[in-house]
Amino acid sequence: SDRVLCQIKRYPWRPLLGELGFVGLRGTGFLLTLLAIIPL
């Protein structure tokens, strides 16, 4: 009963787009940090 295996049925586009948002937010945080020091 522990061997029931779930399969992924589609390409993980949704999580990939979500991670694009994550890296974009991290990049925005870095951009704002540099903006606090010098004009951009």
ModelCIF file with pLDDT and N, C-alpha, C, O atoms, coordinates in Angstrom:
data_MODEL
#
_entry.id   MODEL 
#
_entity.id                         1 
_entity.type                       polymer 
_entity.pdbx_number_of_molecules   1 
#
_entity_poly.entity_id                      1 
_entity_poly.type                           'polypeptide(L)' 
_entity_poly.nstd_linkage                   no 
_entity_poly.nstd_monomer                   no 
_entity_poly.pdbx_seq_one_letter_code       SDRVLCQIKRYPWRPLLGELGFVGLRGTGFLLTLLAIIPL 
_entity_poly.pdbx_seq_one_letter_code_can   SDRVLCQIKRYPWRPLLGELGFVGLRGTGFLLTLLAIIPL 
_entity_poly.pdbx_strand_id                 A 
#
loop_
_entity_poly_seq.entity_id 
_entity_poly_seq.num 
_entity_poly_seq.mon_id 
_entity_poly_seq.hetero 
1 1  SER n 
1 2  ASP n 
1 3  ARG n 
1 4  VAL n 
1 5  LEU n 
1 6  CYS n 
1 7  GLN n 
1 8  ILE n 
1 9  LYS n 
1 10 ARG n 
1 11 TYR n 
1 12 PRO n 
1 13 TRP n 
1 14 ARG n 
1 15 PRO n 
1 16 LEU n 
1 17 LEU n 
1 18 GLY n 
1 19 GLU n 
1 20 LEU n 
1 21 GLY n 
1 22 PHE n 
1 23 VAL n 
1 24 GLY n 
1 25 LEU n 
1 26 ARG n 
1 27 GLY n 
1 28 THR n 
1 29 GLY n 
1 30 PHE n 
1 31 LEU n 
1 32 LEU n 
1 33 THR n 
1 34 LEU n 
1 35 LEU n 
1 36 ALA n 
1 37 ILE n 
1 38 ILE n 
1 39 PRO n 
1 40 LEU n 
#
_struct_asym.id          A 
_struct_asym.entity_id   1 
#
loop_
_ma_qa_metric.id 
_ma_qa_metric.mode 
_ma_qa_metric.name 
_ma_qa_metric.software_group_id 
_ma_qa_metric.type 
1 global pLDDT . pLDDT 
2 local  pLDDT . pLDDT 
#
_ma_qa_metric_global.metric_id      1 
_ma_qa_metric_global.metric_value   85.85 
_ma_qa_metric_global.model_id       1 
_ma_qa_metric_global.ordinal_id     1 
#
loop_
_ma_qa_metric_local.label_asym_id 
_ma_qa_metric_local.label_comp_id 
_ma_qa_metric_local.label_seq_id 
_ma_qa_metric_local.metric_id 
_ma_qa_metric_local.metric_value 
_ma_qa_metric_local.model_id 
_ma_qa_metric_local.ordinal_id 
A SER 1  2 40.00 1 1  
A ASP 2  2 44.00 1 2  
A ARG 3  2 49.00 1 3  
A VAL 4  2 46.00 1 4  
A LEU 5  2 56.00 1 5  
A CYS 6  2 62.00 1 6  
A GLN 7  2 73.00 1 7  
A ILE 8  2 79.00 1 8  
A LYS 9  2 80.00 1 9  
A ARG 10 2 86.00 1 10 
A TYR 11 2 91.00 1 11 
A PRO 12 2 91.00 1 12 
A TRP 13 2 93.00 1 13 
A ARG 14 2 94.00 1 14 
A PRO 15 2 95.00 1 15 
A LEU 16 2 95.00 1 16 
A LEU 17 2 96.00 1 17 
A GLY 18 2 96.00 1 18 
A GLU 19 2 96.00 1 19 
A LEU 20 2 96.00 1 20 
A GLY 21 2 96.00 1 21 
A PHE 22 2 97.00 1 22 
A VAL 23 2 96.00 1 23 
A GLY 24 2 95.00 1 24 
A LEU 25 2 97.00 1 25 
A ARG 26 2 96.00 1 26 
A GLY 27 2 95.00 1 27 
A THR 28 2 96.00 1 28 
A GLY 29 2 96.00 1 29 
A PHE 30 2 95.00 1 30 
A LEU 31 2 95.00 1 31 
A LEU 32 2 96.00 1 32 
A THR 33 2 94.00 1 33 
A LEU 34 2 93.00 1 34 
A LEU 35 2 93.00 1 35 
A ALA 36 2 91.00 1 36 
A ILE 37 2 91.00 1 37 
A ILE 38 2 88.00 1 38 
A PRO 39 2 88.00 1 39 
A LEU 40 2 88.00 1 40 
#
loop_
_atom_site.group_PDB 
_atom_site.id 
_atom_site.type_symbol 
_atom_site.label_atom_id 
_atom_site.label_alt_id 
_atom_site.label_comp_id 
_atom_site.label_asym_id 
_atom_site.label_entity_id 
_atom_site.label_seq_id 
_atom_site.pdbx_PDB_ins_code 
_atom_site.Cartn_x 
_atom_site.Cartn_y 
_atom_site.Cartn_z 
_atom_site.occupancy 
_atom_site.B_iso_or_equiv 
_atom_site.pdbx_formal_charge 
_atom_site.auth_seq_id 
_atom_site.auth_comp_id 
_atom_site.auth_asym_id 
_atom_site.auth_atom_id 
_atom_site.pdbx_PDB_model_num 
ATOM 1   N N  . SER A 1 1  ? 0.821  -1.211 0.000   1.00 40.00 ? 1  SER A N  1 
ATOM 2   C CA . SER A 1 1  ? 0.000  0.000  0.000   1.00 40.00 ? 1  SER A CA 1 
ATOM 3   C C  . SER A 1 1  ? 0.854  1.259  0.000   1.00 40.00 ? 1  SER A C  1 
ATOM 4   O O  . SER A 1 1  ? 0.401  2.313  -0.448  1.00 40.00 ? 1  SER A O  1 
ATOM 5   N N  . ASP A 1 2  ? 2.091  1.163  0.500   1.00 44.00 ? 2  ASP A N  1 
ATOM 6   C CA . ASP A 1 2  ? 2.983  2.313  0.499   1.00 44.00 ? 2  ASP A CA 1 
ATOM 7   C C  . ASP A 1 2  ? 3.601  2.551  -0.866  1.00 44.00 ? 2  ASP A C  1 
ATOM 8   O O  . ASP A 1 2  ? 4.271  3.563  -1.071  1.00 44.00 ? 2  ASP A O  1 
ATOM 9   N N  . ARG A 1 3  ? 3.389  1.641  -1.799  1.00 49.00 ? 3  ARG A N  1 
ATOM 10  C CA . ARG A 1 3  ? 4.053  1.758  -3.085  1.00 49.00 ? 3  ARG A CA 1 
ATOM 11  C C  . ARG A 1 3  ? 3.203  2.474  -4.134  1.00 49.00 ? 3  ARG A C  1 
ATOM 12  O O  . ARG A 1 3  ? 3.563  2.508  -5.311  1.00 49.00 ? 3  ARG A O  1 
ATOM 13  N N  . VAL A 1 4  ? 2.081  3.041  -3.711  1.00 46.00 ? 4  VAL A N  1 
ATOM 14  C CA . VAL A 1 4  ? 1.255  3.780  -4.658  1.00 46.00 ? 4  VAL A CA 1 
ATOM 15  C C  . VAL A 1 4  ? 2.052  4.968  -5.173  1.00 46.00 ? 4  VAL A C  1 
ATOM 16  O O  . VAL A 1 4  ? 2.546  5.779  -4.390  1.00 46.00 ? 4  VAL A O  1 
ATOM 17  N N  . LEU A 1 5  ? 2.174  5.067  -6.475  1.00 56.00 ? 5  LEU A N  1 
ATOM 18  C CA . LEU A 1 5  ? 3.038  6.074  -7.075  1.00 56.00 ? 5  LEU A CA 1 
ATOM 19  C C  . LEU A 1 5  ? 2.218  7.064  -7.879  1.00 56.00 ? 5  LEU A C  1 
ATOM 20  O O  . LEU A 1 5  ? 1.515  6.683  -8.814  1.00 56.00 ? 5  LEU A O  1 
ATOM 21  N N  . CYS A 1 6  ? 2.307  8.336  -7.514  1.00 62.00 ? 6  CYS A N  1 
ATOM 22  C CA . CYS A 1 6  ? 1.607  9.380  -8.255  1.00 62.00 ? 6  CYS A CA 1 
ATOM 23  C C  . CYS A 1 6  ? 2.490  9.844  -9.403  1.00 62.00 ? 6  CYS A C  1 
ATOM 24  O O  . CYS A 1 6  ? 3.702  9.994  -9.252  1.00 62.00 ? 6  CYS A O  1 
ATOM 25  N N  . GLN A 1 7  ? 1.867  10.066 -10.542 1.00 73.00 ? 7  GLN A N  1 
ATOM 26  C CA . GLN A 1 7  ? 2.593  10.479 -11.730 1.00 73.00 ? 7  GLN A CA 1 
ATOM 27  C C  . GLN A 1 7  ? 2.247  11.928 -12.072 1.00 73.00 ? 7  GLN A C  1 
ATOM 28  O O  . GLN A 1 7  ? 1.113  12.368 -11.881 1.00 73.00 ? 7  GLN A O  1 
ATOM 29  N N  . ILE A 1 8  ? 3.223  12.653 -12.571 1.00 79.00 ? 8  ILE A N  1 
ATOM 30  C CA . ILE A 1 8  ? 2.957  13.990 -13.063 1.00 79.00 ? 8  ILE A CA 1 
ATOM 31  C C  . ILE A 1 8  ? 2.487  13.862 -14.512 1.00 79.00 ? 8  ILE A C  1 
ATOM 32  O O  . ILE A 1 8  ? 3.135  13.195 -15.318 1.00 79.00 ? 8  ILE A O  1 
ATOM 33  N N  . LYS A 1 9  ? 1.363  14.498 -14.842 1.00 80.00 ? 9  LYS A N  1 
ATOM 34  C CA . LYS A 1 9  ? 0.719  14.271 -16.121 1.00 80.00 ? 9  LYS A CA 1 
ATOM 35  C C  . LYS A 1 9  ? 0.938  15.400 -17.128 1.00 80.00 ? 9  LYS A C  1 
ATOM 36  O O  . LYS A 1 9  ? 0.581  15.258 -18.298 1.00 80.00 ? 9  LYS A O  1 
ATOM 37  N N  . ARG A 1 10 ? 1.515  16.508 -16.693 1.00 86.00 ? 10 ARG A N  1 
ATOM 38  C CA . ARG A 1 10 ? 1.699  17.630 -17.609 1.00 86.00 ? 10 ARG A CA 1 
ATOM 39  C C  . ARG A 1 10 ? 3.002  18.345 -17.302 1.00 86.00 ? 10 ARG A C  1 
ATOM 40  O O  . ARG A 1 10 ? 3.573  18.193 -16.222 1.00 86.00 ? 10 ARG A O  1 
ATOM 41  N N  . TYR A 1 11 ? 3.456  19.115 -18.253 1.00 91.00 ? 11 TYR A N  1 
ATOM 42  C CA . TYR A 1 11 ? 4.688  19.879 -18.042 1.00 91.00 ? 11 TYR A CA 1 
ATOM 43  C C  . TYR A 1 11 ? 4.427  20.928 -16.954 1.00 91.00 ? 11 TYR A C  1 
ATOM 44  O O  . TYR A 1 11 ? 3.378  21.572 -16.966 1.00 91.00 ? 11 TYR A O  1 
ATOM 45  N N  . PRO A 1 12 ? 5.365  21.109 -16.012 1.00 91.00 ? 12 PRO A N  1 
ATOM 46  C CA . PRO A 1 12 ? 5.112  22.018 -14.875 1.00 91.00 ? 12 PRO A CA 1 
ATOM 47  C C  . PRO A 1 12 ? 5.250  23.503 -15.232 1.00 91.00 ? 12 PRO A C  1 
ATOM 48  O O  . PRO A 1 12 ? 6.068  24.224 -14.662 1.00 91.00 ? 12 PRO A O  1 
ATOM 49  N N  . TRP A 1 13 ? 4.422  23.937 -16.195 1.00 93.00 ? 13 TRP A N  1 
ATOM 50  C CA . TRP A 1 13 ? 4.486  25.332 -16.617 1.00 93.00 ? 13 TRP A CA 1 
ATOM 51  C C  . TRP A 1 13 ? 4.112  26.290 -15.489 1.00 93.00 ? 13 TRP A C  1 
ATOM 52  O O  . TRP A 1 13 ? 4.745  27.330 -15.307 1.00 93.00 ? 13 TRP A O  1 
ATOM 53  N N  . ARG A 1 14 ? 3.073  25.925 -14.733 1.00 94.00 ? 14 ARG A N  1 
ATOM 54  C CA . ARG A 1 14 ? 2.606  26.822 -13.677 1.00 94.00 ? 14 ARG A CA 1 
ATOM 55  C C  . ARG A 1 14 ? 3.683  27.080 -12.619 1.00 94.00 ? 14 ARG A C  1 
ATOM 56  O O  . ARG A 1 14 ? 3.942  28.240 -12.300 1.00 94.00 ? 14 ARG A O  1 
ATOM 57  N N  . PRO A 1 15 ? 4.326  26.032 -12.058 1.00 95.00 ? 15 PRO A N  1 
ATOM 58  C CA . PRO A 1 15 ? 5.417  26.309 -11.117 1.00 95.00 ? 15 PRO A CA 1 
ATOM 59  C C  . PRO A 1 15 ? 6.575  27.071 -11.763 1.00 95.00 ? 15 PRO A C  1 
ATOM 60  O O  . PRO A 1 15 ? 7.211  27.899 -11.112 1.00 95.00 ? 15 PRO A O  1 
ATOM 61  N N  . LEU A 1 16 ? 6.853  26.793 -13.047 1.00 95.00 ? 16 LEU A N  1 
ATOM 62  C CA . LEU A 1 16 ? 7.941  27.508 -13.725 1.00 95.00 ? 16 LEU A CA 1 
ATOM 63  C C  . LEU A 1 16 ? 7.635  28.993 -13.815 1.00 95.00 ? 16 LEU A C  1 
ATOM 64  O O  . LEU A 1 16 ? 8.505  29.822 -13.549 1.00 95.00 ? 16 LEU A O  1 
ATOM 65  N N  . LEU A 1 17 ? 6.413  29.336 -14.185 1.00 96.00 ? 17 LEU A N  1 
ATOM 66  C CA . LEU A 1 17 ? 6.018  30.746 -14.224 1.00 96.00 ? 17 LEU A CA 1 
ATOM 67  C C  . LEU A 1 17 ? 6.061  31.346 -12.822 1.00 96.00 ? 17 LEU A C  1 
ATOM 68  O O  . LEU A 1 17 ? 6.422  32.510 -12.647 1.00 96.00 ? 17 LEU A O  1 
ATOM 69  N N  . GLY A 1 18 ? 5.689  30.541 -11.824 1.00 96.00 ? 18 GLY A N  1 
ATOM 70  C CA . GLY A 1 18 ? 5.766  31.017 -10.446 1.00 96.00 ? 18 GLY A CA 1 
ATOM 71  C C  . GLY A 1 18 ? 7.186  31.344 -10.031 1.00 96.00 ? 18 GLY A C  1 
ATOM 72  O O  . GLY A 1 18 ? 7.424  32.341 -9.350  1.00 96.00 ? 18 GLY A O  1 
ATOM 73  N N  . GLU A 1 19 ? 8.132  30.510 -10.437 1.00 96.00 ? 19 GLU A N  1 
ATOM 74  C CA . GLU A 1 19 ? 9.537  30.776 -10.103 1.00 96.00 ? 19 GLU A CA 1 
ATOM 75  C C  . GLU A 1 19 ? 10.080 31.977 -10.875 1.00 96.00 ? 19 GLU A C  1 
ATOM 76  O O  . GLU A 1 19 ? 10.974 32.672 -10.391 1.00 96.00 ? 19 GLU A O  1 
ATOM 77  N N  . LEU A 1 20 ? 9.549  32.224 -12.063 1.00 96.00 ? 20 LEU A N  1 
ATOM 78  C CA . LEU A 1 20 ? 9.902  33.463 -12.766 1.00 96.00 ? 20 LEU A CA 1 
ATOM 79  C C  . LEU A 1 20 ? 9.512  34.672 -11.928 1.00 96.00 ? 20 LEU A C  1 
ATOM 80  O O  . LEU A 1 20 ? 10.259 35.646 -11.826 1.00 96.00 ? 20 LEU A O  1 
ATOM 81  N N  . GLY A 1 21 ? 8.324  34.589 -11.329 1.00 96.00 ? 21 GLY A N  1 
ATOM 82  C CA . GLY A 1 21 ? 7.898  35.657 -10.439 1.00 96.00 ? 21 GLY A CA 1 
ATOM 83  C C  . GLY A 1 21 ? 8.802  35.785 -9.226  1.00 96.00 ? 21 GLY A C  1 
ATOM 84  O O  . GLY A 1 21 ? 9.110  36.896 -8.794  1.00 96.00 ? 21 GLY A O  1 
ATOM 85  N N  . PHE A 1 22 ? 9.233  34.645 -8.668  1.00 97.00 ? 22 PHE A N  1 
ATOM 86  C CA . PHE A 1 22 ? 10.110 34.672 -7.496  1.00 97.00 ? 22 PHE A CA 1 
ATOM 87  C C  . PHE A 1 22 ? 11.440 35.340 -7.811  1.00 97.00 ? 22 PHE A C  1 
ATOM 88  O O  . PHE A 1 22 ? 11.871 36.237 -7.086  1.00 97.00 ? 22 PHE A O  1 
ATOM 89  N N  . VAL A 1 23 ? 12.096 34.908 -8.892  1.00 96.00 ? 23 VAL A N  1 
ATOM 90  C CA . VAL A 1 23 ? 13.391 35.494 -9.244  1.00 96.00 ? 23 VAL A CA 1 
ATOM 91  C C  . VAL A 1 23 ? 13.216 36.968 -9.620  1.00 96.00 ? 23 VAL A C  1 
ATOM 92  O O  . VAL A 1 23 ? 14.076 37.798 -9.323  1.00 96.00 ? 23 VAL A O  1 
ATOM 93  N N  . GLY A 1 24 ? 12.089 37.287 -10.280 1.00 95.00 ? 24 GLY A N  1 
ATOM 94  C CA . GLY A 1 24 ? 11.823 38.683 -10.616 1.00 95.00 ? 24 GLY A CA 1 
ATOM 95  C C  . GLY A 1 24 ? 11.672 39.544 -9.374  1.00 95.00 ? 24 GLY A C  1 
ATOM 96  O O  . GLY A 1 24 ? 12.169 40.670 -9.337  1.00 95.00 ? 24 GLY A O  1 
ATOM 97  N N  . LEU A 1 25 ? 10.987 39.024 -8.349  1.00 97.00 ? 25 LEU A N  1 
ATOM 98  C CA . LEU A 1 25 ? 10.850 39.761 -7.096  1.00 97.00 ? 25 LEU A CA 1 
ATOM 99  C C  . LEU A 1 25 ? 12.200 39.924 -6.399  1.00 97.00 ? 25 LEU A C  1 
ATOM 100 O O  . LEU A 1 25 ? 12.499 40.990 -5.860  1.00 97.00 ? 25 LEU A O  1 
ATOM 101 N N  . ARG A 1 26 ? 13.017 38.864 -6.412  1.00 96.00 ? 26 ARG A N  1 
ATOM 102 C CA . ARG A 1 26 ? 14.343 38.977 -5.799  1.00 96.00 ? 26 ARG A CA 1 
ATOM 103 C C  . ARG A 1 26 ? 15.189 40.007 -6.546  1.00 96.00 ? 26 ARG A C  1 
ATOM 104 O O  . ARG A 1 26 ? 15.903 40.799 -5.932  1.00 96.00 ? 26 ARG A O  1 
ATOM 105 N N  . GLY A 1 27 ? 15.100 39.986 -7.862  1.00 95.00 ? 27 GLY A N  1 
ATOM 106 C CA . GLY A 1 27 ? 15.836 40.972 -8.646  1.00 95.00 ? 27 GLY A CA 1 
ATOM 107 C C  . GLY A 1 27 ? 15.357 42.390 -8.375  1.00 95.00 ? 27 GLY A C  1 
ATOM 108 O O  . GLY A 1 27 ? 16.159 43.323 -8.346  1.00 95.00 ? 27 GLY A O  1 
ATOM 109 N N  . THR A 1 28 ? 14.053 42.558 -8.176  1.00 96.00 ? 28 THR A N  1 
ATOM 110 C CA . THR A 1 28 ? 13.507 43.875 -7.851  1.00 96.00 ? 28 THR A CA 1 
ATOM 111 C C  . THR A 1 28 ? 14.040 44.361 -6.500  1.00 96.00 ? 28 THR A C  1 
ATOM 112 O O  . THR A 1 28 ? 14.349 45.541 -6.335  1.00 96.00 ? 28 THR A O  1 
ATOM 113 N N  . GLY A 1 29 ? 14.144 43.440 -5.537  1.00 96.00 ? 29 GLY A N  1 
ATOM 114 C CA . GLY A 1 29 ? 14.715 43.803 -4.246  1.00 96.00 ? 29 GLY A CA 1 
ATOM 115 C C  . GLY A 1 29 ? 16.149 44.288 -4.386  1.00 96.00 ? 29 GLY A C  1 
ATOM 116 O O  . GLY A 1 29 ? 16.547 45.253 -3.732  1.00 96.00 ? 29 GLY A O  1 
ATOM 117 N N  . PHE A 1 30 ? 16.928 43.624 -5.236  1.00 95.00 ? 30 PHE A N  1 
ATOM 118 C CA . PHE A 1 30 ? 18.313 44.044 -5.462  1.00 95.00 ? 30 PHE A CA 1 
ATOM 119 C C  . PHE A 1 30 ? 18.362 45.395 -6.170  1.00 95.00 ? 30 PHE A C  1 
ATOM 120 O O  . PHE A 1 30 ? 19.166 46.258 -5.818  1.00 95.00 ? 30 PHE A O  1 
ATOM 121 N N  . LEU A 1 31 ? 17.498 45.574 -7.169  1.00 95.00 ? 31 LEU A N  1 
ATOM 122 C CA . LEU A 1 31 ? 17.448 46.853 -7.887  1.00 95.00 ? 31 LEU A CA 1 
ATOM 123 C C  . LEU A 1 31 ? 17.126 47.992 -6.928  1.00 95.00 ? 31 LEU A C  1 
ATOM 124 O O  . LEU A 1 31 ? 17.753 49.050 -6.994  1.00 95.00 ? 31 LEU A O  1 
ATOM 125 N N  . LEU A 1 32 ? 16.154 47.789 -6.034  1.00 96.00 ? 32 LEU A N  1 
ATOM 126 C CA . LEU A 1 32 ? 15.788 48.830 -5.072  1.00 96.00 ? 32 LEU A CA 1 
ATOM 127 C C  . LEU A 1 32 ? 16.938 49.116 -4.113  1.00 96.00 ? 32 LEU A C  1 
ATOM 128 O O  . LEU A 1 32 ? 17.132 50.260 -3.700  1.00 96.00 ? 32 LEU A O  1 
ATOM 129 N N  . THR A 1 33 ? 17.699 48.088 -3.758  1.00 94.00 ? 33 THR A N  1 
ATOM 130 C CA . THR A 1 33 ? 18.846 48.278 -2.870  1.00 94.00 ? 33 THR A CA 1 
ATOM 131 C C  . THR A 1 33 ? 19.895 49.166 -3.521  1.00 94.00 ? 33 THR A C  1 
ATOM 132 O O  . THR A 1 33 ? 20.432 50.069 -2.880  1.00 94.00 ? 33 THR A O  1 
ATOM 133 N N  . LEU A 1 34 ? 20.188 48.911 -4.790  1.00 93.00 ? 34 LEU A N  1 
ATOM 134 C CA . LEU A 1 34 ? 21.155 49.755 -5.496  1.00 93.00 ? 34 LEU A CA 1 
ATOM 135 C C  . LEU A 1 34 ? 20.600 51.163 -5.704  1.00 93.00 ? 34 LEU A C  1 
ATOM 136 O O  . LEU A 1 34 ? 21.344 52.142 -5.650  1.00 93.00 ? 34 LEU A O  1 
ATOM 137 N N  . LEU A 1 35 ? 19.282 51.262 -5.945  1.00 93.00 ? 35 LEU A N  1 
ATOM 138 C CA . LEU A 1 35 ? 18.649 52.564 -6.141  1.00 93.00 ? 35 LEU A CA 1 
ATOM 139 C C  . LEU A 1 35 ? 18.733 53.418 -4.888  1.00 93.00 ? 35 LEU A C  1 
ATOM 140 O O  . LEU A 1 35 ? 18.766 54.645 -4.981  1.00 93.00 ? 35 LEU A O  1 
ATOM 141 N N  . ALA A 1 36 ? 18.770 52.795 -3.724  1.00 91.00 ? 36 ALA A N  1 
ATOM 142 C CA . ALA A 1 36 ? 18.899 53.545 -2.477  1.00 91.00 ? 36 ALA A CA 1 
ATOM 143 C C  . ALA A 1 36 ? 20.265 54.197 -2.342  1.00 91.00 ? 36 ALA A C  1 
ATOM 144 O O  . ALA A 1 36 ? 20.442 55.109 -1.535  1.00 91.00 ? 36 ALA A O  1 
ATOM 145 N N  . ILE A 1 37 ? 21.235 53.731 -3.132  1.00 91.00 ? 37 ILE A N  1 
ATOM 146 C CA . ILE A 1 37 ? 22.607 54.234 -3.024  1.00 91.00 ? 37 ILE A CA 1 
ATOM 147 C C  . ILE A 1 37 ? 22.937 55.203 -4.147  1.00 91.00 ? 37 ILE A C  1 
ATOM 148 O O  . ILE A 1 37 ? 23.529 56.256 -3.913  1.00 91.00 ? 37 ILE A O  1 
ATOM 149 N N  . ILE A 1 38 ? 22.550 54.844 -5.373  1.00 88.00 ? 38 ILE A N  1 
ATOM 150 C CA . ILE A 1 38 ? 22.835 55.696 -6.529  1.00 88.00 ? 38 ILE A CA 1 
ATOM 151 C C  . ILE A 1 38 ? 21.590 55.784 -7.407  1.00 88.00 ? 38 ILE A C  1 
ATOM 152 O O  . ILE A 1 38 ? 20.766 54.869 -7.395  1.00 88.00 ? 38 ILE A O  1 
ATOM 153 N N  . PRO A 1 39 ? 21.436 56.875 -8.175  1.00 88.00 ? 39 PRO A N  1 
ATOM 154 C CA . PRO A 1 39 ? 20.292 56.971 -9.098  1.00 88.00 ? 39 PRO A CA 1 
ATOM 155 C C  . PRO A 1 39 ? 20.473 55.995 -10.261 1.00 88.00 ? 39 PRO A C  1 
ATOM 156 O O  . PRO A 1 39 ? 21.597 55.734 -10.688 1.00 88.00 ? 39 PRO A O  1 
ATOM 157 N N  . LEU A 1 40 ? 19.372 55.464 -10.766 1.00 88.00 ? 40 LEU A N  1 
ATOM 158 C CA . LEU A 1 40 ? 19.401 54.503 -11.860 1.00 88.00 ? 40 LEU A CA 1 
ATOM 159 C C  . LEU A 1 40 ? 18.510 54.992 -12.991 1.00 88.00 ? 40 LEU A C  1 
ATOM 160 O O  . LEU A 1 40 ? 18.392 54.322 -14.018 1.00 88.00 ? 40 LEU A O  1 
#
